[in-house]
Amino acid sequence: MMQKQIFARVIFASALLALVGCATASAPKGDMAAGTAAEAKAAIAAADKARKKAAGVEGEWRDIGKMLKKAKKAVEKGDYAKAMKLAKKAKRQGELGYQQAVSQKELKMPSYLKY
């Protein structure tokens, strides 16, 4: 009899935790990232600005242009979530490319590598 009570309490506690977990779950990530055409175009513009800034110090990374082209095509097709994702990634790469180029601007070659 005692084992049944313990088992019943464990089941009840598990069910309660499951219900609380479901009640506090956030919205699916895909719904939040969907956005609109205007938001996607703004994200693409911001990414292009970051790309140009990186290119200004010769720090543009290889794939930024490709990502922006794909993002623009995704907007044309109405896939705003994909466009936003690509634009955010391109913007981040632009920012990182700029930081990398600026940080290595004063980099000197070690004497043992000079010919």
PDB file of N, CA and C in Angstrom:
ATOM      1  N   MET A   1       0.822  -1.184   0.000  1.00  0.00           N
ATOM      2  CA  MET A   1       0.000   0.000   0.000  1.00  0.00           C
ATOM      3  C   MET A   1       0.870   1.253   0.000  1.00  0.00           C
ATOM      4  N   MET A   2       1.943   1.226   0.758  1.00  0.00           N
ATOM      5  CA  MET A   2       2.829   2.371   0.857  1.00  0.00           C
ATOM      6  C   MET A   2       3.499   2.651  -0.488  1.00  0.00           C
ATOM      7  N   GLN A   3       3.844   1.601  -1.228  1.00  0.00           N
ATOM      8  CA  GLN A   3       4.483   1.768  -2.524  1.00  0.00           C
ATOM      9  C   GLN A   3       3.526   2.420  -3.518  1.00  0.00           C
ATOM     10  N   LYS A   4       2.240   2.078  -3.442  1.00  0.00           N
ATOM     11  CA  LYS A   4       1.255   2.672  -4.341  1.00  0.00           C
ATOM     12  C   LYS A   4       1.127   4.170  -4.078  1.00  0.00           C
ATOM     13  N   GLN A   5       1.170   4.566  -2.819  1.00  0.00           N
ATOM     14  CA  GLN A   5       1.065   5.987  -2.485  1.00  0.00           C
ATOM     15  C   GLN A   5       2.285   6.761  -2.997  1.00  0.00           C
ATOM     16  N   ILE A   6       3.446   6.189  -2.824  1.00  0.00           N
ATOM     17  CA  ILE A   6       4.666   6.841  -3.310  1.00  0.00           C
ATOM     18  C   ILE A   6       4.625   6.941  -4.830  1.00  0.00           C
ATOM     19  N   PHE A   7       4.218   5.855  -5.469  1.00  0.00           N
ATOM     20  CA  PHE A   7       4.126   5.840  -6.923  1.00  0.00           C
ATOM     21  C   PHE A   7       3.111   6.876  -7.410  1.00  0.00           C
ATOM     22  N   ALA A   8       1.986   6.972  -6.742  1.00  0.00           N
ATOM     23  CA  ALA A   8       0.956   7.942  -7.124  1.00  0.00           C
ATOM     24  C   ALA A   8       1.474   9.370  -6.960  1.00  0.00           C
ATOM     25  N   ARG A   9       2.215   9.625  -5.914  1.00  0.00           N
ATOM     26  CA  ARG A   9       2.774  10.970  -5.695  1.00  0.00           C
ATOM     27  C   ARG A   9       3.819  11.324  -6.758  1.00  0.00           C
ATOM     28  N   VAL A  10       4.627  10.346  -7.120  1.00  0.00           N
ATOM     29  CA  VAL A  10       5.637  10.578  -8.159  1.00  0.00           C
ATOM     30  C   VAL A  10       4.959  10.882  -9.492  1.00  0.00           C
ATOM     31  N   ILE A  11       3.930  10.135  -9.823  1.00  0.00           N
ATOM     32  CA  ILE A  11       3.181  10.368 -11.066  1.00  0.00           C
ATOM     33  C   ILE A  11       2.529  11.745 -11.034  1.00  0.00           C
ATOM     34  N   PHE A  12       1.929  12.094  -9.905  1.00  0.00           N
ATOM     35  CA  PHE A  12       1.273  13.397  -9.777  1.00  0.00           C
ATOM     36  C   PHE A  12       2.289  14.536  -9.934  1.00  0.00           C
ATOM     37  N   ALA A  13       3.443  14.396  -9.279  1.00  0.00           N
ATOM     38  CA  ALA A  13       4.476  15.431  -9.365  1.00  0.00           C
ATOM     39  C   ALA A  13       5.010  15.559 -10.791  1.00  0.00           C
ATOM     40  N   SER A  14       5.189  14.432 -11.467  1.00  0.00           N
ATOM     41  CA  SER A  14       5.664  14.455 -12.853  1.00  0.00           C
ATOM     42  C   SER A  14       4.661  15.144 -13.767  1.00  0.00           C
ATOM     43  N   ALA A  15       3.385  14.813 -13.589  1.00  0.00           N
ATOM     44  CA  ALA A  15       2.342  15.436 -14.404  1.00  0.00           C
ATOM     45  C   ALA A  15       2.273  16.937 -14.142  1.00  0.00           C
ATOM     46  N   LEU A  16       2.409  17.316 -12.888  1.00  0.00           N
ATOM     47  CA  LEU A  16       2.382  18.734 -12.530  1.00  0.00           C
ATOM     48  C   LEU A  16       3.555  19.486 -13.167  1.00  0.00           C
ATOM     49  N   LEU A  17       4.743  18.904 -13.123  1.00  0.00           N
ATOM     50  CA  LEU A  17       5.908  19.530 -13.749  1.00  0.00           C
ATOM     51  C   LEU A  17       5.733  19.644 -15.260  1.00  0.00           C
ATOM     52  N   ALA A  18       5.166  18.627 -15.875  1.00  0.00           N
ATOM     53  CA  ALA A  18       4.939  18.667 -17.319  1.00  0.00           C
ATOM     54  C   ALA A  18       3.960  19.769 -17.687  1.00  0.00           C
ATOM     55  N   LEU A  19       2.896  19.918 -16.903  1.00  0.00           N
ATOM     56  CA  LEU A  19       1.917  20.968 -17.180  1.00  0.00           C
ATOM     57  C   LEU A  19       2.514  22.355 -16.990  1.00  0.00           C
ATOM     58  N   VAL A  20       3.301  22.534 -15.952  1.00  0.00           N
ATOM     59  CA  VAL A  20       3.931  23.832 -15.714  1.00  0.00           C
ATOM     60  C   VAL A  20       4.924  24.142 -16.834  1.00  0.00           C
ATOM     61  N   GLY A  21       5.650  23.146 -17.271  1.00  0.00           N
ATOM     62  CA  GLY A  21       6.602  23.345 -18.368  1.00  0.00           C
ATOM     63  C   GLY A  21       5.914  23.732 -19.654  1.00  0.00           C
ATOM     64  N   CYS A  22       4.792  23.113 -19.960  1.00  0.00           N
ATOM     65  CA  CYS A  22       4.042  23.450 -21.173  1.00  0.00           C
ATOM     66  C   CYS A  22       3.428  24.839 -21.078  1.00  0.00           C
ATOM     67  N   ALA A  23       3.004  25.224 -19.901  1.00  0.00           N
ATOM     68  CA  ALA A  23       2.364  26.529 -19.730  1.00  0.00           C
ATOM     69  C   ALA A  23       3.361  27.667 -19.876  1.00  0.00           C
ATOM     70  N   THR A  24       4.619  27.423 -19.545  1.00  0.00           N
ATOM     71  CA  THR A  24       5.618  28.488 -19.621  1.00  0.00           C
ATOM     72  C   THR A  24       6.447  28.433 -20.887  1.00  0.00           C
ATOM     73  N   ALA A  25       6.157  27.526 -21.790  1.00  0.00           N
ATOM     74  CA  ALA A  25       6.922  27.417 -23.031  1.00  0.00           C
ATOM     75  C   ALA A  25       6.737  28.668 -23.875  1.00  0.00           C
ATOM     76  N   SER A  26       7.816  29.100 -24.516  1.00  0.00           N
ATOM     77  CA  SER A  26       7.745  30.303 -25.348  1.00  0.00           C
ATOM     78  C   SER A  26       7.206  29.956 -26.728  1.00  0.00           C
ATOM     79  N   ALA A  27       6.950  30.985 -27.514  1.00  0.00           N
ATOM     80  CA  ALA A  27       6.459  30.797 -28.873  1.00  0.00           C
ATOM     81  C   ALA A  27       7.538  30.117 -29.702  1.00  0.00           C
ATOM     82  N   PRO A  28       7.150  29.361 -30.716  1.00  0.00           N
ATOM     83  CA  PRO A  28       8.141  28.712 -31.561  1.00  0.00           C
ATOM     84  C   PRO A  28       9.062  29.736 -32.209  1.00  0.00           C
ATOM     85  N   LYS A  29      10.312  29.373 -32.365  1.00  0.00           N
ATOM     86  CA  LYS A  29      11.310  30.289 -32.888  1.00  0.00           C
ATOM     87  C   LYS A  29      10.978  30.732 -34.311  1.00  0.00           C
ATOM     88  N   GLY A  30      10.444  29.869 -35.108  1.00  0.00           N
ATOM     89  CA  GLY A  30      10.111  30.201 -36.489  1.00  0.00           C
ATOM     90  C   GLY A  30       9.087  31.306 -36.590  1.00  0.00           C
ATOM     91  N   ASP A  31       8.108  31.330 -35.691  1.00  0.00           N
ATOM     92  CA  ASP A  31       7.083  32.367 -35.723  1.00  0.00           C
ATOM     93  C   ASP A  31       7.665  33.727 -35.377  1.00  0.00           C
ATOM     94  N   MET A  32       8.591  33.759 -34.444  1.00  0.00           N
ATOM     95  CA  MET A  32       9.169  35.024 -34.028  1.00  0.00           C
ATOM     96  C   MET A  32      10.091  35.582 -35.103  1.00  0.00           C
ATOM     97  N   ALA A  33      10.726  34.723 -35.885  1.00  0.00           N
ATOM     98  CA  ALA A  33      11.690  35.172 -36.873  1.00  0.00           C
ATOM     99  C   ALA A  33      11.046  35.502 -38.210  1.00  0.00           C
ATOM    100  N   ALA A  34       9.750  35.218 -38.353  1.00  0.00           N
ATOM    101  CA  ALA A  34       9.100  35.379 -39.649  1.00  0.00           C
ATOM    102  C   ALA A  34       9.194  36.806 -40.157  1.00  0.00           C
ATOM    103  N   GLY A  35       8.702  37.775 -39.427  1.00  0.00           N
ATOM    104  CA  GLY A  35       8.808  39.168 -39.823  1.00  0.00           C
ATOM    105  C   GLY A  35       7.977  39.510 -41.047  1.00  0.00           C
ATOM    106  N   THR A  36       8.191  40.710 -41.542  1.00  0.00           N
ATOM    107  CA  THR A  36       7.479  41.190 -42.712  1.00  0.00           C
ATOM    108  C   THR A  36       8.484  41.559 -43.784  1.00  0.00           C
ATOM    109  N   ALA A  37       7.959  41.925 -44.938  1.00  0.00           N
ATOM    110  CA  ALA A  37       8.829  42.318 -46.041  1.00  0.00           C
ATOM    111  C   ALA A  37       9.639  43.553 -45.666  1.00  0.00           C
ATOM    112  N   ALA A  38       9.008  44.503 -44.997  1.00  0.00           N
ATOM    113  CA  ALA A  38       9.710  45.732 -44.611  1.00  0.00           C
ATOM    114  C   ALA A  38      10.837  45.436 -43.630  1.00  0.00           C
ATOM    115  N   GLU A  39      10.579  44.548 -42.678  1.00  0.00           N
ATOM    116  CA  GLU A  39      11.618  44.189 -41.707  1.00  0.00           C
ATOM    117  C   GLU A  39      12.777  43.472 -42.394  1.00  0.00           C
ATOM    118  N   ALA A  40      12.444  42.587 -43.333  1.00  0.00           N
ATOM    119  CA  ALA A  40      13.484  41.852 -44.053  1.00  0.00           C
ATOM    120  C   ALA A  40      14.327  42.805 -44.895  1.00  0.00           C
ATOM    121  N   LYS A  41      13.674  43.749 -45.569  1.00  0.00           N
ATOM    122  CA  LYS A  41      14.414  44.714 -46.391  1.00  0.00           C
ATOM    123  C   LYS A  41      15.291  45.615 -45.527  1.00  0.00           C
ATOM    124  N   ALA A  42      14.801  45.982 -44.356  1.00  0.00           N
ATOM    125  CA  ALA A  42      15.600  46.799 -43.441  1.00  0.00           C
ATOM    126  C   ALA A  42      16.813  46.017 -42.941  1.00  0.00           C
ATOM    127  N   ALA A  43      16.622  44.736 -42.667  1.00  0.00           N
ATOM    128  CA  ALA A  43      17.734  43.896 -42.211  1.00  0.00           C
ATOM    129  C   ALA A  43      18.772  43.738 -43.317  1.00  0.00           C
ATOM    130  N   ILE A  44      18.305  43.600 -44.553  1.00  0.00           N
ATOM    131  CA  ILE A  44      19.225  43.485 -45.690  1.00  0.00           C
ATOM    132  C   ILE A  44      20.008  44.784 -45.864  1.00  0.00           C
ATOM    133  N   ALA A  45      19.324  45.913 -45.720  1.00  0.00           N
ATOM    134  CA  ALA A  45      20.001  47.210 -45.842  1.00  0.00           C
ATOM    135  C   ALA A  45      21.061  47.381 -44.755  1.00  0.00           C
ATOM    136  N   ALA A  46      20.746  46.956 -43.539  1.00  0.00           N
ATOM    137  CA  ALA A  46      21.711  47.044 -42.437  1.00  0.00           C
ATOM    138  C   ALA A  46      22.913  46.136 -42.698  1.00  0.00           C
ATOM    139  N   ALA A  47      22.651  44.956 -43.241  1.00  0.00           N
ATOM    140  CA  ALA A  47      23.737  44.030 -43.553  1.00  0.00           C
ATOM    141  C   ALA A  47      24.617  44.588 -44.666  1.00  0.00           C
ATOM    142  N   ASP A  48      23.999  45.227 -45.657  1.00  0.00           N
ATOM    143  CA  ASP A  48      24.766  45.818 -46.750  1.00  0.00           C
ATOM    144  C   ASP A  48      25.628  46.976 -46.239  1.00  0.00           C
ATOM    145  N   LYS A  49      25.097  47.728 -45.302  1.00  0.00           N
ATOM    146  CA  LYS A  49      25.862  48.827 -44.693  1.00  0.00           C
ATOM    147  C   LYS A  49      27.081  48.272 -43.951  1.00  0.00           C
ATOM    148  N   ALA A  50      26.886  47.177 -43.212  1.00  0.00           N
ATOM    149  CA  ALA A  50      27.997  46.543 -42.497  1.00  0.00           C
ATOM    150  C   ALA A  50      29.021  45.988 -43.483  1.00  0.00           C
ATOM    151  N   ARG A  51      28.535  45.453 -44.605  1.00  0.00           N
ATOM    152  CA  ARG A  51      29.436  44.931 -45.639  1.00  0.00           C
ATOM    153  C   ARG A  51      30.302  46.049 -46.209  1.00  0.00           C
ATOM    154  N   LYS A  52      29.677  47.185 -46.504  1.00  0.00           N
ATOM    155  CA  LYS A  52      30.416  48.321 -47.071  1.00  0.00           C
ATOM    156  C   LYS A  52      31.435  48.872 -46.076  1.00  0.00           C
ATOM    157  N   LYS A  53      31.069  48.894 -44.810  1.00  0.00           N
ATOM    158  CA  LYS A  53      31.994  49.368 -43.777  1.00  0.00           C
ATOM    159  C   LYS A  53      33.216  48.454 -43.709  1.00  0.00           C
ATOM    160  N   ALA A  54      32.982  47.147 -43.773  1.00  0.00           N
ATOM    161  CA  ALA A  54      34.086  46.190 -43.750  1.00  0.00           C
ATOM    162  C   ALA A  54      34.933  46.315 -45.012  1.00  0.00           C
ATOM    163  N   ALA A  55      34.284  46.508 -46.150  1.00  0.00           N
ATOM    164  CA  ALA A  55      35.021  46.658 -47.404  1.00  0.00           C
ATOM    165  C   ALA A  55      35.874  47.924 -47.387  1.00  0.00           C
ATOM    166  N   GLY A  56      35.438  48.939 -46.663  1.00  0.00           N
ATOM    167  CA  GLY A  56      36.185  50.189 -46.567  1.00  0.00           C
ATOM    168  C   GLY A  56      37.545  50.039 -45.915  1.00  0.00           C
ATOM    169  N   VAL A  57      37.704  49.026 -45.092  1.00  0.00           N
ATOM    170  CA  VAL A  57      38.996  48.759 -44.452  1.00  0.00           C
ATOM    171  C   VAL A  57      39.584  47.441 -44.958  1.00  0.00           C
ATOM    172  N   GLU A  58      39.095  47.008 -46.112  1.00  0.00           N
ATOM    173  CA  GLU A  58      39.526  45.765 -46.761  1.00  0.00           C
ATOM    174  C   GLU A  58      39.329  44.550 -45.862  1.00  0.00           C
ATOM    175  N   GLY A  59      38.177  44.497 -45.207  1.00  0.00           N
ATOM    176  CA  GLY A  59      37.893  43.387 -44.308  1.00  0.00           C
ATOM    177  C   GLY A  59      36.631  42.623 -44.672  1.00  0.00           C
ATOM    178  N   GLU A  60      36.157  42.790 -45.907  1.00  0.00           N
ATOM    179  CA  GLU A  60      34.928  42.097 -46.307  1.00  0.00           C
ATOM    180  C   GLU A  60      35.198  40.604 -46.445  1.00  0.00           C
ATOM    181  N   TRP A  61      34.381  39.825 -45.794  1.00  0.00           N
ATOM    182  CA  TRP A  61      34.528  38.374 -45.866  1.00  0.00           C
ATOM    183  C   TRP A  61      33.897  37.850 -47.144  1.00  0.00           C
ATOM    184  N   ARG A  62      34.338  36.701 -47.572  1.00  0.00           N
ATOM    185  CA  ARG A  62      33.986  36.109 -48.851  1.00  0.00           C
ATOM    186  C   ARG A  62      32.494  35.898 -49.063  1.00  0.00           C
ATOM    187  N   ASP A  63      31.776  35.415 -48.091  1.00  0.00           N
ATOM    188  CA  ASP A  63      30.396  34.974 -48.305  1.00  0.00           C
ATOM    189  C   ASP A  63      29.329  36.034 -48.071  1.00  0.00           C
ATOM    190  N   ILE A  64      29.696  37.229 -47.661  1.00  0.00           N
ATOM    191  CA  ILE A  64      28.684  38.241 -47.336  1.00  0.00           C
ATOM    192  C   ILE A  64      27.840  38.579 -48.554  1.00  0.00           C
ATOM    193  N   GLY A  65      28.480  38.817 -49.682  1.00  0.00           N
ATOM    194  CA  GLY A  65      27.748  39.152 -50.905  1.00  0.00           C
ATOM    195  C   GLY A  65      26.797  38.042 -51.326  1.00  0.00           C
ATOM    196  N   LYS A  66      27.248  36.808 -51.209  1.00  0.00           N
ATOM    197  CA  LYS A  66      26.404  35.663 -51.571  1.00  0.00           C
ATOM    198  C   LYS A  66      25.172  35.592 -50.670  1.00  0.00           C
ATOM    199  N   MET A  67      25.388  35.825 -49.375  1.00  0.00           N
ATOM    200  CA  MET A  67      24.264  35.782 -48.435  1.00  0.00           C
ATOM    201  C   MET A  67      23.252  36.879 -48.729  1.00  0.00           C
ATOM    202  N   LEU A  68      23.737  38.058 -49.078  1.00  0.00           N
ATOM    203  CA  LEU A  68      22.825  39.164 -49.375  1.00  0.00           C
ATOM    204  C   LEU A  68      22.005  38.885 -50.634  1.00  0.00           C
ATOM    205  N   LYS A  69      22.635  38.288 -51.646  1.00  0.00           N
ATOM    206  CA  LYS A  69      21.895  37.926 -52.862  1.00  0.00           C
ATOM    207  C   LYS A  69      20.801  36.911 -52.540  1.00  0.00           C
ATOM    208  N   LYS A  70      21.151  35.912 -51.739  1.00  0.00           N
ATOM    209  CA  LYS A  70      20.160  34.899 -51.355  1.00  0.00           C
ATOM    210  C   LYS A  70      19.037  35.521 -50.530  1.00  0.00           C
ATOM    211  N   ALA A  71      19.375  36.462 -49.669  1.00  0.00           N
ATOM    212  CA  ALA A  71      18.360  37.124 -48.841  1.00  0.00           C
ATOM    213  C   ALA A  71      17.400  37.923 -49.716  1.00  0.00           C
ATOM    214  N   LYS A  72      17.927  38.626 -50.713  1.00  0.00           N
ATOM    215  CA  LYS A  72      17.072  39.401 -51.622  1.00  0.00           C
ATOM    216  C   LYS A  72      16.150  38.487 -52.419  1.00  0.00           C
ATOM    217  N   LYS A  73      16.667  37.342 -52.851  1.00  0.00           N
ATOM    218  CA  LYS A  73      15.827  36.378 -53.576  1.00  0.00           C
ATOM    219  C   LYS A  73      14.744  35.812 -52.664  1.00  0.00           C
ATOM    220  N   ALA A  74      15.082  35.588 -51.412  1.00  0.00           N
ATOM    221  CA  ALA A  74      14.098  35.068 -50.455  1.00  0.00           C
ATOM    222  C   ALA A  74      12.975  36.077 -50.240  1.00  0.00           C
ATOM    223  N   VAL A  75      13.298  37.369 -50.214  1.00  0.00           N
ATOM    224  CA  VAL A  75      12.263  38.398 -50.075  1.00  0.00           C
ATOM    225  C   VAL A  75      11.346  38.372 -51.289  1.00  0.00           C
ATOM    226  N   GLU A  76      11.927  38.244 -52.480  1.00  0.00           N
ATOM    227  CA  GLU A  76      11.125  38.185 -53.705  1.00  0.00           C
ATOM    228  C   GLU A  76      10.164  36.998 -53.690  1.00  0.00           C
ATOM    229  N   LYS A  77      10.605  35.896 -53.100  1.00  0.00           N
ATOM    230  CA  LYS A  77       9.768  34.696 -53.019  1.00  0.00           C
ATOM    231  C   LYS A  77       8.795  34.746 -51.850  1.00  0.00           C
ATOM    232  N   GLY A  78       8.938  35.732 -50.977  1.00  0.00           N
ATOM    233  CA  GLY A  78       8.044  35.844 -49.830  1.00  0.00           C
ATOM    234  C   GLY A  78       8.495  35.076 -48.605  1.00  0.00           C
ATOM    235  N   ASP A  79       9.700  34.550 -48.630  1.00  0.00           N
ATOM    236  CA  ASP A  79      10.234  33.797 -47.489  1.00  0.00           C
ATOM    237  C   ASP A  79      11.009  34.760 -46.585  1.00  0.00           C
ATOM    238  N   TYR A  80      10.262  35.521 -45.792  1.00  0.00           N
ATOM    239  CA  TYR A  80      10.863  36.578 -44.984  1.00  0.00           C
ATOM    240  C   TYR A  80      11.703  36.032 -43.839  1.00  0.00           C
ATOM    241  N   ALA A  81      11.332  34.889 -43.313  1.00  0.00           N
ATOM    242  CA  ALA A  81      12.110  34.293 -42.220  1.00  0.00           C
ATOM    243  C   ALA A  81      13.513  33.940 -42.703  1.00  0.00           C
ATOM    244  N   LYS A  82      13.599  33.345 -43.884  1.00  0.00           N
ATOM    245  CA  LYS A  82      14.901  32.990 -44.446  1.00  0.00           C
ATOM    246  C   LYS A  82      15.708  34.247 -44.756  1.00  0.00           C
ATOM    247  N   ALA A  83      15.038  35.259 -45.299  1.00  0.00           N
ATOM    248  CA  ALA A  83      15.716  36.516 -45.625  1.00  0.00           C
ATOM    249  C   ALA A  83      16.282  37.169 -44.370  1.00  0.00           C
ATOM    250  N   MET A  84      15.500  37.180 -43.304  1.00  0.00           N
ATOM    251  CA  MET A  84      15.960  37.770 -42.038  1.00  0.00           C
ATOM    252  C   MET A  84      17.173  37.011 -41.494  1.00  0.00           C
ATOM    253  N   LYS A  85      17.103  35.693 -41.550  1.00  0.00           N
ATOM    254  CA  LYS A  85      18.193  34.866 -41.037  1.00  0.00           C
ATOM    255  C   LYS A  85      19.485  35.131 -41.815  1.00  0.00           C
ATOM    256  N   LEU A  86      19.382  35.163 -43.135  1.00  0.00           N
ATOM    257  CA  LEU A  86      20.560  35.408 -43.959  1.00  0.00           C
ATOM    258  C   LEU A  86      21.109  36.818 -43.753  1.00  0.00           C
ATOM    259  N   ALA A  87      20.204  37.789 -43.654  1.00  0.00           N
ATOM    260  CA  ALA A  87      20.636  39.180 -43.469  1.00  0.00           C
ATOM    261  C   ALA A  87      21.334  39.363 -42.126  1.00  0.00           C
ATOM    262  N   LYS A  88      20.812  38.740 -41.084  1.00  0.00           N
ATOM    263  CA  LYS A  88      21.449  38.844 -39.766  1.00  0.00           C
ATOM    264  C   LYS A  88      22.840  38.212 -39.783  1.00  0.00           C
ATOM    265  N   LYS A  89      22.949  37.083 -40.466  1.00  0.00           N
ATOM    266  CA  LYS A  89      24.239  36.408 -40.552  1.00  0.00           C
ATOM    267  C   LYS A  89      25.233  37.256 -41.358  1.00  0.00           C
ATOM    268  N   ALA A  90      24.767  37.837 -42.454  1.00  0.00           N
ATOM    269  CA  ALA A  90      25.633  38.687 -43.276  1.00  0.00           C
ATOM    270  C   ALA A  90      26.070  39.928 -42.505  1.00  0.00           C
ATOM    271  N   LYS A  91      25.149  40.512 -41.758  1.00  0.00           N
ATOM    272  CA  LYS A  91      25.492  41.697 -40.962  1.00  0.00           C
ATOM    273  C   LYS A  91      26.558  41.351 -39.931  1.00  0.00           C
ATOM    274  N   ARG A  92      26.381  40.236 -39.270  1.00  0.00           N
ATOM    275  CA  ARG A  92      27.350  39.819 -38.246  1.00  0.00           C
ATOM    276  C   ARG A  92      28.721  39.585 -38.876  1.00  0.00           C
ATOM    277  N   GLN A  93      28.746  38.974 -40.047  1.00  0.00           N
ATOM    278  CA  GLN A  93      30.024  38.743 -40.712  1.00  0.00           C
ATOM    279  C   GLN A  93      30.664  40.057 -41.146  1.00  0.00           C
ATOM    280  N   GLY A  94      29.848  41.022 -41.549  1.00  0.00           N
ATOM    281  CA  GLY A  94      30.372  42.339 -41.895  1.00  0.00           C
ATOM    282  C   GLY A  94      31.002  43.016 -40.693  1.00  0.00           C
ATOM    283  N   GLU A  95      30.315  42.941 -39.561  1.00  0.00           N
ATOM    284  CA  GLU A  95      30.844  43.536 -38.329  1.00  0.00           C
ATOM    285  C   GLU A  95      32.141  42.857 -37.900  1.00  0.00           C
ATOM    286  N   LEU A  96      32.150  41.528 -37.976  1.00  0.00           N
ATOM    287  CA  LEU A  96      33.350  40.789 -37.584  1.00  0.00           C
ATOM    288  C   LEU A  96      34.505  41.040 -38.549  1.00  0.00           C
ATOM    289  N   GLY A  97      34.197  41.148 -39.842  1.00  0.00           N
ATOM    290  CA  GLY A  97      35.229  41.448 -40.832  1.00  0.00           C
ATOM    291  C   GLY A  97      35.860  42.805 -40.585  1.00  0.00           C
ATOM    292  N   TYR A  98      35.019  43.783 -40.243  1.00  0.00           N
ATOM    293  CA  TYR A  98      35.529  45.123 -39.926  1.00  0.00           C
ATOM    294  C   TYR A  98      36.435  45.066 -38.702  1.00  0.00           C
ATOM    295  N   GLN A  99      35.963  44.399 -37.653  1.00  0.00           N
ATOM    296  CA  GLN A  99      36.757  44.295 -36.422  1.00  0.00           C
ATOM    297  C   GLN A  99      38.089  43.596 -36.676  1.00  0.00           C
ATOM    298  N   GLN A 100      38.039  42.554 -37.482  1.00  0.00           N
ATOM    299  CA  GLN A 100      39.256  41.807 -37.776  1.00  0.00           C
ATOM    300  C   GLN A 100      40.258  42.676 -38.538  1.00  0.00           C
ATOM    301  N   ALA A 101      39.776  43.392 -39.548  1.00  0.00           N
ATOM    302  CA  ALA A 101      40.673  44.222 -40.352  1.00  0.00           C
ATOM    303  C   ALA A 101      41.287  45.345 -39.523  1.00  0.00           C
ATOM    304  N   VAL A 102      40.482  45.973 -38.678  1.00  0.00           N
ATOM    305  CA  VAL A 102      40.987  47.066 -37.848  1.00  0.00           C
ATOM    306  C   VAL A 102      41.996  46.546 -36.825  1.00  0.00           C
ATOM    307  N   SER A 103      41.713  45.402 -36.234  1.00  0.00           N
ATOM    308  CA  SER A 103      42.609  44.871 -35.199  1.00  0.00           C
ATOM    309  C   SER A 103      43.942  44.412 -35.781  1.00  0.00           C
ATOM    310  N   GLN A 104      43.959  44.051 -37.056  1.00  0.00           N
ATOM    311  CA  GLN A 104      45.190  43.555 -37.662  1.00  0.00           C
ATOM    312  C   GLN A 104      45.885  44.599 -38.530  1.00  0.00           C
ATOM    313  N   LYS A 105      45.390  45.817 -38.485  1.00  0.00           N
ATOM    314  CA  LYS A 105      45.956  46.882 -39.314  1.00  0.00           C
ATOM    315  C   LYS A 105      47.416  47.153 -38.964  1.00  0.00           C
ATOM    316  N   GLU A 106      47.729  47.166 -37.692  1.00  0.00           N
ATOM    317  CA  GLU A 106      49.082  47.472 -37.233  1.00  0.00           C
ATOM    318  C   GLU A 106      49.925  46.215 -37.004  1.00  0.00           C
ATOM    319  N   LEU A 107      49.456  45.093 -37.481  1.00  0.00           N
ATOM    320  CA  LEU A 107      50.167  43.836 -37.284  1.00  0.00           C
ATOM    321  C   LEU A 107      51.481  43.849 -38.060  1.00  0.00           C
ATOM    322  N   LYS A 108      52.541  43.529 -37.412  1.00  0.00           N
ATOM    323  CA  LYS A 108      53.871  43.499 -38.036  1.00  0.00           C
ATOM    324  C   LYS A 108      54.307  42.052 -38.219  1.00  0.00           C
ATOM    325  N   MET A 109      55.026  41.815 -39.276  1.00  0.00           N
ATOM    326  CA  MET A 109      55.557  40.484 -39.522  1.00  0.00           C
ATOM    327  C   MET A 109      56.746  40.251 -38.590  1.00  0.00           C
ATOM    328  N   PRO A 110      56.852  39.080 -38.012  1.00  0.00           N
ATOM    329  CA  PRO A 110      57.998  38.783 -37.150  1.00  0.00           C
ATOM    330  C   PRO A 110      59.299  38.807 -37.963  1.00  0.00           C
ATOM    331  N   SER A 111      60.378  39.130 -37.315  1.00  0.00           N
ATOM    332  CA  SER A 111      61.666  39.256 -38.006  1.00  0.00           C
ATOM    333  C   SER A 111      62.106  37.941 -38.643  1.00  0.00           C
ATOM    334  N   TYR A 112      61.722  36.831 -38.062  1.00  0.00           N
ATOM    335  CA  TYR A 112      62.147  35.548 -38.616  1.00  0.00           C
ATOM    336  C   TYR A 112      61.397  35.194 -39.900  1.00  0.00           C
ATOM    337  N   LEU A 113      60.327  35.935 -40.242  1.00  0.00           N
ATOM    338  CA  LEU A 113      59.615  35.689 -41.489  1.00  0.00           C
ATOM    339  C   LEU A 113      60.048  36.639 -42.604  1.00  0.00           C
ATOM    340  N   LYS A 114      60.822  37.641 -42.282  1.00  0.00           N
ATOM    341  CA  LYS A 114      61.272  38.592 -43.301  1.00  0.00           C
ATOM    342  C   LYS A 114      62.388  37.960 -44.117  1.00  0.00           C
ATOM    343  N   TYR A 115      62.376  38.269 -45.386  1.00  0.00           N
ATOM    344  CA  TYR A 115      63.388  37.687 -46.278  1.00  0.00           C
ATOM    345  C   TYR A 115      64.496  38.658 -46.549  1.00  0.00           C
TER     346      TYR A 115
END
